[in-house]
Amino acid sequence: MGSVFSATRASSDMRGMALETISFVVGIAGLVIGVSTLFGVTVSLKKRYTWKIALRGIEDVSAQIQHQNPPPDAIVALGDGAVPGAVLALNLGIKILYFIDAPTAGRARAGEPLLDTSGLPPTLKGRRVLIVDNHLFTGANMAAAVKIIRDLKPEEVKTCAIFRLDSVSSVISPDYSYRNFEGQRIPIPWAYSKLHSEAYIGSSHRRP
């Protein structure tokens, strides 16, 4: 009887230890998840998700642009469109890439587009130009960029915005786009500078 009692007690002790171990592991896992969430893992996951959306959008417009005949042979990236512009150039085999900056502070002071065109050549004569921006709200920057590019005498000018906001106040509709983001607010995944730390794609420039 004594040996049976001892074996039963030992088995019970082992089950108790196993339950304690499982409880400890679950507790540690919960602590890690809690601390990770507190210190920004959630933000990191959101940023990876928005990269996925942005790259999917670039892939989609790449397919649209490939049907253009003749295709563009130069890209002008506008503001935050520098990243999608560069990826589109790689995808489409376009070797000519220029950049127009669109300073946020300049727009706020002037109340209208204030574009930095120092990255453009003196002429784009004979070029088939694609102007690329990441997102389009009112279209004021894009419309201003189109005017600037047309003054450089290209053969053709087309426009592309990965994300667009369909609005009656829009002054231009892009030739190529991926998604209407009305009512959505998604962090711009490559906006890491202090100036753009609060930058969001959405129906408002303000962070929710």
N, C-alpha and C. Protein backbone atom coordinates (compact mmCIF):
# COMPACT_ATOMS: atom_id res chain seq x y z
N MET A 1 0.83 -1.20 0.00
CA MET A 1 0.00 0.00 0.00
C MET A 1 0.86 1.24 0.00
N GLY A 2 1.94 1.16 0.78
CA GLY A 2 2.81 2.32 0.88
C GLY A 2 3.40 2.71 -0.45
N SER A 3 3.83 1.73 -1.24
CA SER A 3 4.42 2.03 -2.54
C SER A 3 3.39 2.59 -3.50
N VAL A 4 2.14 2.09 -3.45
CA VAL A 4 1.08 2.61 -4.32
C VAL A 4 0.77 4.05 -3.97
N PHE A 5 0.70 4.32 -2.67
CA PHE A 5 0.43 5.68 -2.20
C PHE A 5 1.53 6.63 -2.64
N SER A 6 2.78 6.17 -2.54
CA SER A 6 3.92 7.01 -2.93
C SER A 6 3.90 7.31 -4.42
N ALA A 7 3.54 6.29 -5.24
CA ALA A 7 3.50 6.49 -6.69
C ALA A 7 2.39 7.47 -7.06
N THR A 8 1.22 7.33 -6.40
CA THR A 8 0.10 8.23 -6.67
C THR A 8 0.47 9.66 -6.30
N ARG A 9 1.11 9.80 -5.15
CA ARG A 9 1.52 11.13 -4.70
C ARG A 9 2.54 11.74 -5.65
N ALA A 10 3.49 10.93 -6.14
CA ALA A 10 4.52 11.41 -7.06
C ALA A 10 3.89 11.88 -8.36
N SER A 11 2.90 11.08 -8.85
CA SER A 11 2.21 11.45 -10.09
C SER A 11 1.47 12.77 -9.92
N SER A 12 0.83 12.92 -8.76
CA SER A 12 0.09 14.16 -8.49
C SER A 12 1.04 15.34 -8.42
N ASP A 13 2.20 15.13 -7.79
CA ASP A 13 3.20 16.21 -7.70
C ASP A 13 3.69 16.62 -9.08
N MET A 14 3.89 15.63 -9.98
CA MET A 14 4.38 15.93 -11.34
C MET A 14 3.35 16.74 -12.12
N ARG A 15 2.05 16.36 -11.96
CA ARG A 15 1.01 17.11 -12.65
C ARG A 15 0.95 18.55 -12.13
N GLY A 16 1.14 18.68 -10.82
CA GLY A 16 1.14 20.02 -10.23
C GLY A 16 2.29 20.86 -10.76
N MET A 17 3.48 20.25 -10.86
CA MET A 17 4.64 20.96 -11.38
C MET A 17 4.43 21.35 -12.84
N ALA A 18 3.80 20.44 -13.62
CA ALA A 18 3.55 20.73 -15.03
C ALA A 18 2.61 21.91 -15.18
N LEU A 19 1.56 21.94 -14.36
CA LEU A 19 0.60 23.05 -14.40
C LEU A 19 1.27 24.36 -14.01
N GLU A 20 2.13 24.31 -13.00
CA GLU A 20 2.86 25.49 -12.58
C GLU A 20 3.77 26.00 -13.70
N THR A 21 4.43 25.05 -14.39
CA THR A 21 5.32 25.42 -15.48
C THR A 21 4.55 26.08 -16.61
N ILE A 22 3.39 25.48 -16.97
CA ILE A 22 2.56 26.04 -18.03
C ILE A 22 2.07 27.43 -17.64
N SER A 23 1.63 27.58 -16.39
CA SER A 23 1.16 28.88 -15.91
C SER A 23 2.28 29.92 -15.97
N PHE A 24 3.50 29.49 -15.62
CA PHE A 24 4.65 30.40 -15.64
C PHE A 24 4.96 30.86 -17.07
N VAL A 25 4.96 29.88 -18.01
CA VAL A 25 5.24 30.19 -19.42
C VAL A 25 4.19 31.15 -19.98
N VAL A 26 2.91 30.85 -19.70
CA VAL A 26 1.82 31.72 -20.18
C VAL A 26 1.96 33.11 -19.59
N GLY A 27 2.31 33.17 -18.32
CA GLY A 27 2.49 34.47 -17.67
C GLY A 27 3.62 35.27 -18.30
N ILE A 28 4.75 34.60 -18.56
CA ILE A 28 5.89 35.28 -19.20
C ILE A 28 5.51 35.75 -20.60
N ALA A 29 4.80 34.89 -21.35
CA ALA A 29 4.37 35.27 -22.70
C ALA A 29 3.48 36.49 -22.66
N GLY A 30 2.55 36.51 -21.70
CA GLY A 30 1.67 37.67 -21.56
C GLY A 30 2.45 38.92 -21.22
N LEU A 31 3.47 38.78 -20.34
CA LEU A 31 4.30 39.92 -19.97
C LEU A 31 5.07 40.45 -21.16
N VAL A 32 5.65 39.53 -21.96
CA VAL A 32 6.41 39.94 -23.15
C VAL A 32 5.52 40.68 -24.14
N ILE A 33 4.31 40.12 -24.37
CA ILE A 33 3.39 40.77 -25.30
C ILE A 33 2.99 42.15 -24.80
N GLY A 34 2.72 42.24 -23.49
CA GLY A 34 2.33 43.53 -22.91
C GLY A 34 3.43 44.57 -23.04
N VAL A 35 4.67 44.18 -22.68
CA VAL A 35 5.80 45.11 -22.76
C VAL A 35 6.08 45.48 -24.22
N SER A 36 6.01 44.49 -25.12
CA SER A 36 6.25 44.75 -26.54
C SER A 36 5.24 45.74 -27.09
N THR A 37 3.97 45.56 -26.72
CA THR A 37 2.93 46.47 -27.19
C THR A 37 3.18 47.88 -26.65
N LEU A 38 3.57 47.94 -25.37
CA LEU A 38 3.83 49.24 -24.74
C LEU A 38 4.95 49.98 -25.44
N PHE A 39 5.97 49.26 -25.90
CA PHE A 39 7.14 49.91 -26.48
C PHE A 39 7.17 49.89 -28.01
N GLY A 40 6.04 49.64 -28.65
CA GLY A 40 5.97 49.95 -30.07
C GLY A 40 5.95 48.82 -31.05
N VAL A 41 5.86 47.57 -30.61
CA VAL A 41 5.80 46.48 -31.59
C VAL A 41 4.55 46.61 -32.45
N THR A 42 3.47 47.10 -31.84
CA THR A 42 2.24 47.29 -32.61
C THR A 42 2.47 48.28 -33.74
N VAL A 43 3.20 49.36 -33.45
CA VAL A 43 3.51 50.36 -34.48
C VAL A 43 4.33 49.72 -35.58
N SER A 44 5.31 48.90 -35.17
CA SER A 44 6.15 48.23 -36.16
C SER A 44 5.32 47.34 -37.08
N LEU A 45 4.38 46.61 -36.51
CA LEU A 45 3.54 45.75 -37.31
C LEU A 45 2.69 46.56 -38.27
N LYS A 46 2.18 47.70 -37.80
CA LYS A 46 1.39 48.56 -38.67
C LYS A 46 2.25 49.06 -39.82
N LYS A 47 3.50 49.40 -39.54
CA LYS A 47 4.36 49.91 -40.60
C LYS A 47 4.63 48.82 -41.64
N ARG A 48 4.84 47.59 -41.21
CA ARG A 48 5.03 46.50 -42.18
C ARG A 48 3.78 46.31 -43.02
N TYR A 49 2.62 46.44 -42.37
CA TYR A 49 1.36 46.28 -43.09
C TYR A 49 1.20 47.37 -44.14
N THR A 50 1.55 48.61 -43.82
CA THR A 50 1.39 49.69 -44.78
C THR A 50 2.41 49.56 -45.92
N TRP A 51 3.59 49.05 -45.64
CA TRP A 51 4.54 48.77 -46.72
C TRP A 51 3.91 47.78 -47.70
N LYS A 52 3.24 46.77 -47.14
CA LYS A 52 2.61 45.76 -47.98
C LYS A 52 1.55 46.39 -48.88
N ILE A 53 0.74 47.28 -48.31
CA ILE A 53 -0.30 47.95 -49.09
C ILE A 53 0.34 48.82 -50.17
N ALA A 54 1.37 49.59 -49.79
CA ALA A 54 2.02 50.49 -50.75
C ALA A 54 2.65 49.70 -51.90
N LEU A 55 3.34 48.62 -51.58
CA LEU A 55 3.99 47.82 -52.62
C LEU A 55 2.96 47.14 -53.52
N ARG A 56 1.85 46.72 -52.93
CA ARG A 56 0.78 46.15 -53.73
C ARG A 56 0.23 47.20 -54.70
N GLY A 57 0.09 48.44 -54.20
CA GLY A 57 -0.39 49.52 -55.06
C GLY A 57 0.57 49.82 -56.19
N ILE A 58 1.87 49.83 -55.89
CA ILE A 58 2.88 50.09 -56.92
C ILE A 58 2.85 48.98 -57.97
N GLU A 59 2.69 47.74 -57.52
CA GLU A 59 2.61 46.61 -58.45
C GLU A 59 1.39 46.77 -59.36
N ASP A 60 0.27 47.20 -58.78
CA ASP A 60 -0.96 47.36 -59.54
C ASP A 60 -0.81 48.44 -60.62
N VAL A 61 -0.29 49.60 -60.24
CA VAL A 61 -0.15 50.67 -61.24
C VAL A 61 0.93 50.34 -62.26
N SER A 62 1.94 49.54 -61.85
CA SER A 62 2.95 49.09 -62.81
C SER A 62 2.29 48.33 -63.95
N ALA A 63 1.35 47.44 -63.59
CA ALA A 63 0.64 46.66 -64.60
C ALA A 63 -0.20 47.57 -65.50
N GLN A 64 -0.81 48.61 -64.91
CA GLN A 64 -1.60 49.56 -65.71
C GLN A 64 -0.71 50.30 -66.71
N ILE A 65 0.44 50.76 -66.22
CA ILE A 65 1.33 51.59 -67.04
C ILE A 65 1.94 50.77 -68.18
N GLN A 66 2.15 49.48 -67.95
CA GLN A 66 2.74 48.62 -68.98
C GLN A 66 1.87 48.53 -70.22
N HIS A 67 0.59 48.84 -70.07
CA HIS A 67 -0.32 48.82 -71.22
C HIS A 67 -0.26 50.13 -72.02
N GLN A 68 0.46 51.13 -71.47
CA GLN A 68 0.58 52.40 -72.20
C GLN A 68 1.47 52.20 -73.42
N ASN A 69 1.03 52.74 -74.54
CA ASN A 69 1.79 52.60 -75.78
C ASN A 69 1.83 53.95 -76.52
N PRO A 70 3.02 54.54 -76.64
CA PRO A 70 4.31 54.07 -76.12
C PRO A 70 4.43 54.31 -74.62
N PRO A 71 5.28 53.55 -73.94
CA PRO A 71 5.43 53.67 -72.49
C PRO A 71 6.23 54.92 -72.12
N PRO A 72 6.15 55.34 -70.85
CA PRO A 72 6.97 56.48 -70.42
C PRO A 72 8.44 56.12 -70.45
N ASP A 73 9.29 57.12 -70.70
CA ASP A 73 10.73 56.88 -70.66
C ASP A 73 11.42 57.75 -69.62
N ALA A 74 10.64 58.49 -68.81
CA ALA A 74 11.19 59.30 -67.73
C ALA A 74 10.14 59.41 -66.63
N ILE A 75 10.58 59.36 -65.40
CA ILE A 75 9.69 59.54 -64.24
C ILE A 75 10.12 60.77 -63.47
N VAL A 76 9.13 61.56 -63.08
CA VAL A 76 9.35 62.68 -62.17
C VAL A 76 8.59 62.36 -60.89
N ALA A 77 9.32 62.12 -59.80
CA ALA A 77 8.70 61.79 -58.52
C ALA A 77 8.40 63.09 -57.77
N LEU A 78 7.20 63.17 -57.23
CA LEU A 78 6.73 64.39 -56.57
C LEU A 78 6.58 64.16 -55.07
N GLY A 79 7.36 64.89 -54.25
CA GLY A 79 7.23 64.81 -52.80
C GLY A 79 7.39 63.40 -52.27
N ASP A 80 6.36 62.93 -51.53
CA ASP A 80 6.39 61.58 -50.96
C ASP A 80 6.36 60.50 -52.03
N GLY A 81 6.19 60.90 -53.27
CA GLY A 81 6.21 59.94 -54.38
C GLY A 81 7.61 59.49 -54.75
N ALA A 82 8.62 59.95 -54.03
CA ALA A 82 10.00 59.55 -54.34
C ALA A 82 10.18 58.04 -54.25
N VAL A 83 9.60 57.44 -53.20
CA VAL A 83 9.75 55.98 -53.03
C VAL A 83 9.00 55.20 -54.11
N PRO A 84 7.68 55.42 -54.28
CA PRO A 84 7.00 54.68 -55.37
C PRO A 84 7.55 55.02 -56.75
N GLY A 85 8.02 56.27 -56.94
CA GLY A 85 8.61 56.63 -58.23
C GLY A 85 9.84 55.81 -58.54
N ALA A 86 10.70 55.63 -57.54
CA ALA A 86 11.93 54.85 -57.74
C ALA A 86 11.61 53.38 -57.99
N VAL A 87 10.63 52.84 -57.25
CA VAL A 87 10.26 51.43 -57.44
C VAL A 87 9.63 51.22 -58.82
N LEU A 88 8.79 52.17 -59.24
CA LEU A 88 8.19 52.07 -60.57
C LEU A 88 9.27 52.11 -61.66
N ALA A 89 10.27 52.98 -61.47
CA ALA A 89 11.35 53.07 -62.45
C ALA A 89 12.07 51.72 -62.58
N LEU A 90 12.30 51.06 -61.45
CA LEU A 90 12.94 49.74 -61.49
C LEU A 90 12.04 48.71 -62.15
N ASN A 91 10.76 48.71 -61.77
CA ASN A 91 9.82 47.73 -62.32
C ASN A 91 9.65 47.87 -63.82
N LEU A 92 9.64 49.12 -64.30
CA LEU A 92 9.34 49.39 -65.71
C LEU A 92 10.59 49.54 -66.56
N GLY A 93 11.76 49.45 -65.94
CA GLY A 93 13.01 49.58 -66.69
C GLY A 93 13.25 50.99 -67.19
N ILE A 94 12.76 51.98 -66.45
CA ILE A 94 12.95 53.39 -66.83
C ILE A 94 14.22 53.92 -66.17
N LYS A 95 15.13 54.42 -66.97
CA LYS A 95 16.45 54.80 -66.46
C LYS A 95 16.56 56.28 -66.11
N ILE A 96 15.54 57.06 -66.43
CA ILE A 96 15.58 58.50 -66.16
C ILE A 96 14.60 58.82 -65.04
N LEU A 97 15.13 59.32 -63.93
CA LEU A 97 14.31 59.61 -62.76
C LEU A 97 14.70 60.96 -62.18
N TYR A 98 13.72 61.86 -62.08
CA TYR A 98 13.94 63.18 -61.49
C TYR A 98 13.04 63.35 -60.28
N PHE A 99 13.27 64.42 -59.53
CA PHE A 99 12.54 64.62 -58.28
C PHE A 99 12.13 66.08 -58.13
N ILE A 100 10.86 66.28 -57.76
CA ILE A 100 10.36 67.61 -57.37
C ILE A 100 9.97 67.53 -55.91
N ASP A 101 10.56 68.38 -55.08
CA ASP A 101 10.22 68.39 -53.66
C ASP A 101 8.98 69.26 -53.44
N ALA A 102 8.18 68.87 -52.46
CA ALA A 102 6.98 69.63 -52.13
C ALA A 102 6.98 69.87 -50.62
N PRO A 103 7.75 70.87 -50.15
CA PRO A 103 7.89 71.08 -48.71
C PRO A 103 6.55 71.38 -48.04
N THR A 104 6.25 70.64 -46.98
CA THR A 104 4.99 70.84 -46.25
C THR A 104 4.93 72.24 -45.67
N ALA A 105 6.04 72.70 -45.08
CA ALA A 105 6.05 74.02 -44.47
C ALA A 105 5.81 75.11 -45.50
N GLY A 106 6.37 74.95 -46.70
CA GLY A 106 6.18 75.93 -47.76
C GLY A 106 4.73 76.04 -48.18
N ARG A 107 4.06 74.89 -48.26
CA ARG A 107 2.64 74.91 -48.64
C ARG A 107 1.82 75.61 -47.58
N ALA A 108 2.18 75.38 -46.30
CA ALA A 108 1.40 75.99 -45.22
C ALA A 108 1.54 77.51 -45.23
N ARG A 109 2.73 78.01 -45.54
CA ARG A 109 2.94 79.47 -45.53
C ARG A 109 2.29 80.12 -46.74
N ALA A 110 2.46 79.53 -47.88
CA ALA A 110 2.00 80.17 -49.11
C ALA A 110 0.52 79.95 -49.37
N GLY A 111 -0.05 78.86 -48.80
CA GLY A 111 -1.44 78.55 -49.05
C GLY A 111 -1.66 77.96 -50.43
N GLU A 112 -0.60 77.67 -51.14
CA GLU A 112 -0.69 77.07 -52.47
C GLU A 112 0.59 76.29 -52.73
N PRO A 113 0.62 75.46 -53.76
CA PRO A 113 1.82 74.65 -54.00
C PRO A 113 3.08 75.50 -54.15
N LEU A 114 4.12 75.11 -53.43
CA LEU A 114 5.42 75.76 -53.52
C LEU A 114 6.43 74.65 -53.76
N LEU A 115 6.71 74.37 -55.02
CA LEU A 115 7.50 73.20 -55.38
C LEU A 115 8.95 73.58 -55.65
N ASP A 116 9.85 72.71 -55.21
CA ASP A 116 11.28 72.88 -55.43
C ASP A 116 11.66 72.09 -56.69
N THR A 117 11.96 72.79 -57.76
CA THR A 117 12.25 72.15 -59.05
C THR A 117 13.73 72.08 -59.37
N SER A 118 14.57 72.25 -58.34
CA SER A 118 16.01 72.24 -58.59
C SER A 118 16.51 70.88 -59.08
N GLY A 119 15.71 69.83 -58.88
CA GLY A 119 16.12 68.50 -59.33
C GLY A 119 15.74 68.19 -60.77
N LEU A 120 15.20 69.18 -61.49
CA LEU A 120 14.80 68.96 -62.88
C LEU A 120 15.86 69.45 -63.86
N PRO A 121 15.92 68.86 -65.05
CA PRO A 121 16.85 69.32 -66.09
C PRO A 121 16.29 70.58 -66.77
N PRO A 122 17.09 71.27 -67.58
CA PRO A 122 16.60 72.47 -68.28
C PRO A 122 15.48 72.16 -69.27
N THR A 123 15.47 70.96 -69.81
CA THR A 123 14.44 70.59 -70.78
C THR A 123 14.14 69.10 -70.70
N LEU A 124 12.90 68.76 -71.07
CA LEU A 124 12.51 67.35 -71.18
C LEU A 124 11.97 67.10 -72.58
N LYS A 125 12.51 67.82 -73.53
CA LYS A 125 12.03 67.76 -74.90
C LYS A 125 12.09 66.32 -75.43
N GLY A 126 10.96 65.89 -75.99
CA GLY A 126 10.90 64.56 -76.60
C GLY A 126 10.65 63.43 -75.62
N ARG A 127 10.63 63.72 -74.32
CA ARG A 127 10.44 62.67 -73.31
C ARG A 127 8.96 62.40 -73.07
N ARG A 128 8.66 61.15 -72.75
CA ARG A 128 7.32 60.77 -72.32
C ARG A 128 7.38 60.62 -70.79
N VAL A 129 6.86 61.62 -70.12
CA VAL A 129 7.08 61.77 -68.68
C VAL A 129 5.89 61.24 -67.88
N LEU A 130 6.20 60.50 -66.83
CA LEU A 130 5.20 60.05 -65.87
C LEU A 130 5.49 60.73 -64.53
N ILE A 131 4.56 61.56 -64.04
CA ILE A 131 4.70 62.21 -62.74
C ILE A 131 4.06 61.31 -61.69
N VAL A 132 4.82 60.98 -60.64
CA VAL A 132 4.36 60.02 -59.64
C VAL A 132 4.31 60.66 -58.26
N ASP A 133 3.15 60.55 -57.61
CA ASP A 133 3.02 60.94 -56.20
C ASP A 133 2.46 59.75 -55.44
N ASN A 134 2.72 59.73 -54.14
CA ASN A 134 2.21 58.64 -53.33
C ASN A 134 0.71 58.74 -53.11
N HIS A 135 0.23 59.96 -52.86
CA HIS A 135 -1.19 60.14 -52.60
C HIS A 135 -1.64 61.50 -53.11
N LEU A 136 -2.91 61.60 -53.43
CA LEU A 136 -3.46 62.82 -54.00
C LEU A 136 -4.70 63.23 -53.19
N PHE A 137 -4.65 64.44 -52.61
CA PHE A 137 -5.78 64.97 -51.86
C PHE A 137 -6.60 65.89 -52.78
N THR A 138 -6.18 67.15 -52.84
CA THR A 138 -6.88 68.10 -53.72
C THR A 138 -6.32 68.06 -55.13
N GLY A 139 -5.12 67.53 -55.28
CA GLY A 139 -4.49 67.49 -56.59
C GLY A 139 -3.74 68.76 -56.95
N ALA A 140 -3.65 69.72 -56.00
CA ALA A 140 -3.01 71.00 -56.29
C ALA A 140 -1.53 70.83 -56.62
N ASN A 141 -0.82 70.00 -55.86
CA ASN A 141 0.60 69.77 -56.14
C ASN A 141 0.80 69.10 -57.49
N MET A 142 -0.03 68.10 -57.76
CA MET A 142 0.09 67.38 -59.03
C MET A 142 -0.19 68.31 -60.21
N ALA A 143 -1.24 69.13 -60.10
CA ALA A 143 -1.58 70.05 -61.18
C ALA A 143 -0.45 71.05 -61.42
N ALA A 144 0.15 71.54 -60.32
CA ALA A 144 1.27 72.48 -60.46
C ALA A 144 2.47 71.80 -61.10
N ALA A 145 2.72 70.54 -60.71
CA ALA A 145 3.84 69.80 -61.30
C ALA A 145 3.62 69.56 -62.79
N VAL A 146 2.39 69.26 -63.19
CA VAL A 146 2.09 69.05 -64.61
C VAL A 146 2.40 70.31 -65.40
N LYS A 147 2.01 71.46 -64.87
CA LYS A 147 2.29 72.73 -65.56
C LYS A 147 3.79 72.96 -65.71
N ILE A 148 4.54 72.67 -64.63
CA ILE A 148 5.99 72.86 -64.66
C ILE A 148 6.62 71.95 -65.72
N ILE A 149 6.21 70.69 -65.72
CA ILE A 149 6.78 69.71 -66.66
C ILE A 149 6.43 70.07 -68.09
N ARG A 150 5.20 70.49 -68.33
CA ARG A 150 4.80 70.85 -69.70
C ARG A 150 5.60 72.04 -70.23
N ASP A 151 6.02 72.93 -69.34
CA ASP A 151 6.86 74.06 -69.76
C ASP A 151 8.23 73.60 -70.24
N LEU A 152 8.61 72.35 -69.90
CA LEU A 152 9.91 71.80 -70.32
C LEU A 152 9.80 71.04 -71.65
N LYS A 153 8.65 71.14 -72.31
CA LYS A 153 8.44 70.65 -73.68
C LYS A 153 8.58 69.14 -73.86
N PRO A 154 7.99 68.33 -72.97
CA PRO A 154 8.04 66.88 -73.22
C PRO A 154 7.08 66.49 -74.33
N GLU A 155 7.25 65.29 -74.85
CA GLU A 155 6.33 64.78 -75.86
C GLU A 155 4.97 64.46 -75.24
N GLU A 156 4.99 63.96 -73.99
CA GLU A 156 3.75 63.54 -73.34
C GLU A 156 3.93 63.63 -71.83
N VAL A 157 2.82 63.91 -71.12
CA VAL A 157 2.83 63.92 -69.66
C VAL A 157 1.66 63.09 -69.15
N LYS A 158 1.96 62.09 -68.31
CA LYS A 158 0.95 61.30 -67.64
C LYS A 158 1.15 61.42 -66.14
N THR A 159 0.09 61.16 -65.37
CA THR A 159 0.18 61.30 -63.91
C THR A 159 -0.22 60.01 -63.22
N CYS A 160 0.38 59.79 -62.05
CA CYS A 160 0.12 58.58 -61.27
C CYS A 160 0.12 58.92 -59.78
N ALA A 161 -0.92 58.50 -59.07
CA ALA A 161 -0.97 58.60 -57.61
C ALA A 161 -1.37 57.24 -57.07
N ILE A 162 -0.52 56.64 -56.24
CA ILE A 162 -0.82 55.31 -55.74
C ILE A 162 -2.15 55.31 -55.00
N PHE A 163 -2.33 56.29 -54.11
CA PHE A 163 -3.58 56.46 -53.39
C PHE A 163 -4.20 57.80 -53.78
N ARG A 164 -5.49 57.83 -53.95
CA ARG A 164 -6.17 59.06 -54.32
C ARG A 164 -7.40 59.26 -53.43
N LEU A 165 -7.81 60.50 -53.29
CA LEU A 165 -9.05 60.81 -52.59
C LEU A 165 -10.00 61.43 -53.59
N ASP A 166 -11.03 60.69 -53.98
CA ASP A 166 -12.01 61.20 -54.92
C ASP A 166 -12.83 62.28 -54.23
N SER A 167 -12.73 63.49 -54.72
CA SER A 167 -13.41 64.62 -54.09
C SER A 167 -13.81 65.63 -55.14
N VAL A 168 -14.90 66.33 -54.88
CA VAL A 168 -15.35 67.35 -55.83
C VAL A 168 -14.37 68.51 -55.87
N SER A 169 -13.53 68.63 -54.82
CA SER A 169 -12.56 69.72 -54.78
C SER A 169 -11.27 69.39 -55.50
N SER A 170 -11.10 68.14 -55.97
CA SER A 170 -9.88 67.76 -56.67
C SER A 170 -9.78 68.50 -57.99
N VAL A 171 -8.58 69.04 -58.25
CA VAL A 171 -8.38 69.82 -59.47
C VAL A 171 -7.79 68.98 -60.59
N ILE A 172 -7.46 67.72 -60.29
CA ILE A 172 -6.89 66.84 -61.30
C ILE A 172 -7.22 65.40 -60.94
N SER A 173 -7.41 64.58 -61.94
CA SER A 173 -7.62 63.16 -61.73
C SER A 173 -6.44 62.41 -62.35
N PRO A 174 -5.73 61.58 -61.57
CA PRO A 174 -4.53 60.92 -62.11
C PRO A 174 -4.88 59.91 -63.20
N ASP A 175 -3.98 59.76 -64.15
CA ASP A 175 -4.17 58.76 -65.21
C ASP A 175 -4.10 57.34 -64.66
N TYR A 176 -3.26 57.15 -63.63
CA TYR A 176 -3.11 55.83 -63.02
C TYR A 176 -3.21 55.97 -61.50
N SER A 177 -3.91 55.05 -60.87
CA SER A 177 -3.99 55.02 -59.41
C SER A 177 -4.39 53.63 -58.96
N TYR A 178 -4.19 53.37 -57.67
CA TYR A 178 -4.48 52.05 -57.12
C TYR A 178 -5.75 52.03 -56.29
N ARG A 179 -5.90 52.98 -55.37
CA ARG A 179 -7.01 52.89 -54.43
C ARG A 179 -7.49 54.27 -54.00
N ASN A 180 -8.81 54.39 -53.89
CA ASN A 180 -9.42 55.55 -53.27
C ASN A 180 -9.44 55.31 -51.77
N PHE A 181 -8.81 56.20 -51.00
CA PHE A 181 -8.66 55.96 -49.57
C PHE A 181 -9.62 56.81 -48.73
N GLU A 182 -10.73 57.23 -49.28
CA GLU A 182 -11.69 58.05 -48.53
C GLU A 182 -12.10 57.34 -47.24
N GLY A 183 -12.02 58.09 -46.13
CA GLY A 183 -12.40 57.53 -44.84
C GLY A 183 -11.34 56.66 -44.19
N GLN A 184 -10.20 56.47 -44.84
CA GLN A 184 -9.13 55.64 -44.29
C GLN A 184 -7.96 56.52 -43.87
N ARG A 185 -7.25 56.08 -42.85
CA ARG A 185 -6.04 56.77 -42.43
C ARG A 185 -4.96 55.73 -42.18
N ILE A 186 -3.94 55.78 -42.98
CA ILE A 186 -2.88 54.77 -42.92
C ILE A 186 -1.54 55.49 -42.82
N PRO A 187 -0.66 55.12 -41.86
CA PRO A 187 0.65 55.77 -41.77
C PRO A 187 1.45 55.60 -43.06
N ILE A 188 2.13 56.66 -43.49
CA ILE A 188 3.03 56.55 -44.64
C ILE A 188 4.27 55.80 -44.14
N PRO A 189 4.54 54.60 -44.63
CA PRO A 189 5.55 53.75 -44.00
C PRO A 189 6.97 54.26 -44.08
N TRP A 190 7.28 55.15 -45.04
CA TRP A 190 8.66 55.63 -45.15
C TRP A 190 8.81 57.04 -44.60
N ALA A 191 7.79 57.59 -43.92
CA ALA A 191 7.86 58.95 -43.39
C ALA A 191 8.44 58.92 -41.98
N TYR A 192 9.78 58.90 -41.88
CA TYR A 192 10.42 58.79 -40.58
C TYR A 192 11.07 60.11 -40.11
N SER A 193 11.11 61.13 -40.96
CA SER A 193 11.73 62.38 -40.56
C SER A 193 10.87 63.07 -39.52
N LYS A 194 11.49 63.98 -38.75
CA LYS A 194 10.75 64.71 -37.71
C LYS A 194 9.60 65.50 -38.33
N LEU A 195 9.84 66.08 -39.50
CA LEU A 195 8.82 66.89 -40.17
C LEU A 195 7.60 66.05 -40.54
N HIS A 196 7.83 64.78 -40.90
CA HIS A 196 6.75 63.93 -41.36
C HIS A 196 6.33 62.88 -40.34
N SER A 197 6.76 63.03 -39.08
CA SER A 197 6.48 61.99 -38.09
C SER A 197 4.99 61.81 -37.85
N GLU A 198 4.20 62.84 -38.13
CA GLU A 198 2.75 62.74 -37.96
C GLU A 198 2.04 62.58 -39.30
N ALA A 199 2.79 62.31 -40.37
CA ALA A 199 2.18 62.24 -41.71
C ALA A 199 1.33 61.00 -41.85
N TYR A 200 0.13 61.21 -42.31
CA TYR A 200 -0.80 60.10 -42.52
C TYR A 200 -1.46 60.23 -43.88
N ILE A 201 -1.71 59.10 -44.53
CA ILE A 201 -2.56 59.08 -45.70
C ILE A 201 -3.99 59.03 -45.18
N GLY A 202 -4.82 59.93 -45.60
CA GLY A 202 -6.20 59.91 -45.15
C GLY A 202 -6.96 61.13 -45.60
N SER A 203 -8.18 61.24 -45.15
CA SER A 203 -9.01 62.37 -45.56
C SER A 203 -8.66 63.64 -44.80
N SER A 204 -7.68 63.55 -43.91
CA SER A 204 -7.22 64.72 -43.17
C SER A 204 -5.72 64.61 -42.98
N HIS A 205 -5.02 65.75 -42.92
CA HIS A 205 -3.59 65.73 -42.67
C HIS A 205 -3.30 65.50 -41.19
N ARG A 206 -4.31 65.56 -40.34
CA ARG A 206 -4.12 65.39 -38.92
C ARG A 206 -4.14 63.93 -38.53
N ARG A 207 -3.26 63.61 -37.58
CA ARG A 207 -3.22 62.25 -37.10
C ARG A 207 -4.44 61.98 -36.21
N PRO A 208 -5.13 60.85 -36.37
CA PRO A 208 -6.31 60.56 -35.55
C PRO A 208 -5.95 60.32 -34.10
